[in-house]
Amino acid sequence: MGSEATSAHELLDSATADRMYIDTGEVVRVRVEADEFYDDEPGPPKATEGVQQAKTEGRRAPYTITCSIAEQGLGPVAWWQNAGVEAMDEG
């Protein structure tokens, strides 16, 4: 492919045959960039909040993993099956 398109407009202007899509249910290789754990267990109400006041704060996921496919060999396995990539377990 070799294109260095960076904006969404440039990417959409690429030839349809050169585009690489990720379909639902595909096996994908990723690199984990970060993981975060949030302990949002409710505790006892504070005296200033009062008993009747309902919490309106949004809840967040208790565990979040941030991944990337922006590296050689990452992304859907189908992209790399016939790419001639050498086996990593040699040696």
C-alpha atoms as a PDB file:
ATOM      1  CA  MET A   1       0.000   0.000   0.000  1.00  0.00           C
ATOM      2  CA  GLY A   2       2.698   2.543   0.963  1.00  0.00           C
ATOM      3  CA  SER A   3       0.298   5.487   1.255  1.00  0.00           C
ATOM      4  CA  GLU A   4       0.954   8.028   3.966  1.00  0.00           C
ATOM      5  CA  ALA A   5      -2.573   9.482   4.012  1.00  0.00           C
ATOM      6  CA  THR A   6      -3.320  10.910   7.415  1.00  0.00           C
ATOM      7  CA  SER A   7      -6.658  12.715   7.289  1.00  0.00           C
ATOM      8  CA  ALA A   8     -10.040  11.014   7.002  1.00  0.00           C
ATOM      9  CA  HIS A   9     -10.587  12.809   3.689  1.00  0.00           C
ATOM     10  CA  GLU A  10      -7.302  11.467   2.257  1.00  0.00           C
ATOM     11  CA  LEU A  11      -8.110   7.954   3.452  1.00  0.00           C
ATOM     12  CA  LEU A  12     -11.554   8.005   1.829  1.00  0.00           C
ATOM     13  CA  ASP A  13      -9.995   9.201  -1.449  1.00  0.00           C
ATOM     14  CA  SER A  14      -7.855   6.031  -1.650  1.00  0.00           C
ATOM     15  CA  ALA A  15      -8.765   3.343  -4.161  1.00  0.00           C
ATOM     16  CA  THR A  16     -11.396   0.926  -2.842  1.00  0.00           C
ATOM     17  CA  ALA A  17      -9.135  -2.049  -3.649  1.00  0.00           C
ATOM     18  CA  ASP A  18      -6.362  -0.584  -1.426  1.00  0.00           C
ATOM     19  CA  ARG A  19      -8.577  -0.175   1.648  1.00  0.00           C
ATOM     20  CA  MET A  20      -8.269  -2.685   4.470  1.00  0.00           C
ATOM     21  CA  TYR A  21     -11.408  -3.377   6.504  1.00  0.00           C
ATOM     22  CA  ILE A  22     -11.992  -5.056   9.863  1.00  0.00           C
ATOM     23  CA  ASP A  23     -15.160  -7.142  10.022  1.00  0.00           C
ATOM     24  CA  THR A  24     -17.084  -8.141  13.142  1.00  0.00           C
ATOM     25  CA  GLY A  25     -15.879 -11.443  14.585  1.00  0.00           C
ATOM     26  CA  GLU A  26     -12.406 -11.401  12.986  1.00  0.00           C
ATOM     27  CA  VAL A  27      -9.364 -12.493  14.985  1.00  0.00           C
ATOM     28  CA  VAL A  28      -7.181  -9.419  15.543  1.00  0.00           C
ATOM     29  CA  ARG A  29      -3.614  -9.093  16.843  1.00  0.00           C
ATOM     30  CA  VAL A  30      -3.128  -6.027  19.041  1.00  0.00           C
ATOM     31  CA  ARG A  31      -0.513  -4.357  21.209  1.00  0.00           C
ATOM     32  CA  VAL A  32      -1.764  -3.332  24.656  1.00  0.00           C
ATOM     33  CA  GLU A  33      -0.964   0.358  25.206  1.00  0.00           C
ATOM     34  CA  ALA A  34      -2.514   0.768  28.671  1.00  0.00           C
ATOM     35  CA  ASP A  35      -4.873  -0.829  31.145  1.00  0.00           C
ATOM     36  CA  GLU A  36      -6.775   0.927  33.917  1.00  0.00           C
ATOM     37  CA  PHE A  37      -8.793  -0.369  36.850  1.00  0.00           C
ATOM     38  CA  TYR A  38     -11.403   1.815  38.529  1.00  0.00           C
ATOM     39  CA  ASP A  39     -12.902   0.884  41.874  1.00  0.00           C
ATOM     40  CA  ASP A  40     -16.279   2.617  41.698  1.00  0.00           C
ATOM     41  CA  GLU A  41     -17.963   0.621  44.434  1.00  0.00           C
ATOM     42  CA  PRO A  42     -20.541   2.768  46.188  1.00  0.00           C
ATOM     43  CA  GLY A  43     -19.667   3.668  49.729  1.00  0.00           C
ATOM     44  CA  PRO A  44     -21.801   4.972  52.565  1.00  0.00           C
ATOM     45  CA  PRO A  45     -23.427   8.355  51.882  1.00  0.00           C
ATOM     46  CA  LYS A  46     -21.524  11.374  53.135  1.00  0.00           C
ATOM     47  CA  ALA A  47     -23.173  13.561  55.728  1.00  0.00           C
ATOM     48  CA  THR A  48     -23.246  16.505  53.290  1.00  0.00           C
ATOM     49  CA  GLU A  49     -25.027  14.497  50.567  1.00  0.00           C
ATOM     50  CA  GLY A  50     -28.017  13.488  52.661  1.00  0.00           C
ATOM     51  CA  VAL A  51     -29.867  10.199  52.493  1.00  0.00           C
ATOM     52  CA  GLN A  52     -32.444  11.199  49.829  1.00  0.00           C
ATOM     53  CA  GLN A  53     -29.982  12.618  47.270  1.00  0.00           C
ATOM     54  CA  ALA A  54     -29.479  10.282  44.327  1.00  0.00           C
ATOM     55  CA  LYS A  55     -26.125   9.995  42.628  1.00  0.00           C
ATOM     56  CA  THR A  56     -26.261  11.410  39.112  1.00  0.00           C
ATOM     57  CA  GLU A  57     -22.622  10.748  38.248  1.00  0.00           C
ATOM     58  CA  GLY A  58     -21.994   8.562  35.224  1.00  0.00           C
ATOM     59  CA  ARG A  59     -20.524   5.178  35.921  1.00  0.00           C
ATOM     60  CA  ARG A  60     -17.420   4.095  34.083  1.00  0.00           C
ATOM     61  CA  ALA A  61     -16.244   0.638  33.159  1.00  0.00           C
ATOM     62  CA  PRO A  62     -14.414  -1.076  36.041  1.00  0.00           C
ATOM     63  CA  TYR A  63     -11.595  -2.247  33.758  1.00  0.00           C
ATOM     64  CA  THR A  64     -10.429  -0.622  30.514  1.00  0.00           C
ATOM     65  CA  ILE A  65      -7.808  -1.881  28.064  1.00  0.00           C
ATOM     66  CA  THR A  66      -6.450   0.472  25.373  1.00  0.00           C
ATOM     67  CA  CYS A  67      -4.956  -1.342  22.360  1.00  0.00           C
ATOM     68  CA  SER A  68      -3.362  -0.406  19.040  1.00  0.00           C
ATOM     69  CA  ILE A  69      -2.972  -2.091  15.653  1.00  0.00           C
ATOM     70  CA  ALA A  70      -0.597   0.604  14.317  1.00  0.00           C
ATOM     71  CA  GLU A  71       2.443  -1.623  13.822  1.00  0.00           C
ATOM     72  CA  GLN A  72       3.725  -4.243  11.390  1.00  0.00           C
ATOM     73  CA  GLY A  73       2.088  -7.641  11.957  1.00  0.00           C
ATOM     74  CA  LEU A  74      -0.855  -6.265  13.936  1.00  0.00           C
ATOM     75  CA  GLY A  75      -4.482  -6.081  12.869  1.00  0.00           C
ATOM     76  CA  PRO A  76      -6.725  -8.830  11.509  1.00  0.00           C
ATOM     77  CA  VAL A  77      -4.846 -12.093  11.068  1.00  0.00           C
ATOM     78  CA  ALA A  78      -6.239 -12.325   7.501  1.00  0.00           C
ATOM     79  CA  TRP A  79      -4.168  -9.252   6.522  1.00  0.00           C
ATOM     80  CA  TRP A  80      -0.926 -11.082   7.292  1.00  0.00           C
ATOM     81  CA  GLN A  81      -1.606 -14.703   6.273  1.00  0.00           C
ATOM     82  CA  ASN A  82       0.021 -14.407   2.832  1.00  0.00           C
ATOM     83  CA  ALA A  83       2.413 -11.546   3.565  1.00  0.00           C
ATOM     84  CA  GLY A  84       5.513 -13.753   3.888  1.00  0.00           C
ATOM     85  CA  VAL A  85       6.190 -12.692   7.467  1.00  0.00           C
ATOM     86  CA  GLU A  86       8.960 -14.813   9.015  1.00  0.00           C
ATOM     87  CA  ALA A  87       8.083 -16.974  11.996  1.00  0.00           C
ATOM     88  CA  MET A  88       8.985 -15.271  15.273  1.00  0.00           C
ATOM     89  CA  ASP A  89       9.857 -18.519  17.042  1.00  0.00           C
ATOM     90  CA  GLU A  90      12.946 -19.271  14.897  1.00  0.00           C
ATOM     91  CA  GLY A  91      16.237 -19.603  16.596  1.00  0.00           C
END
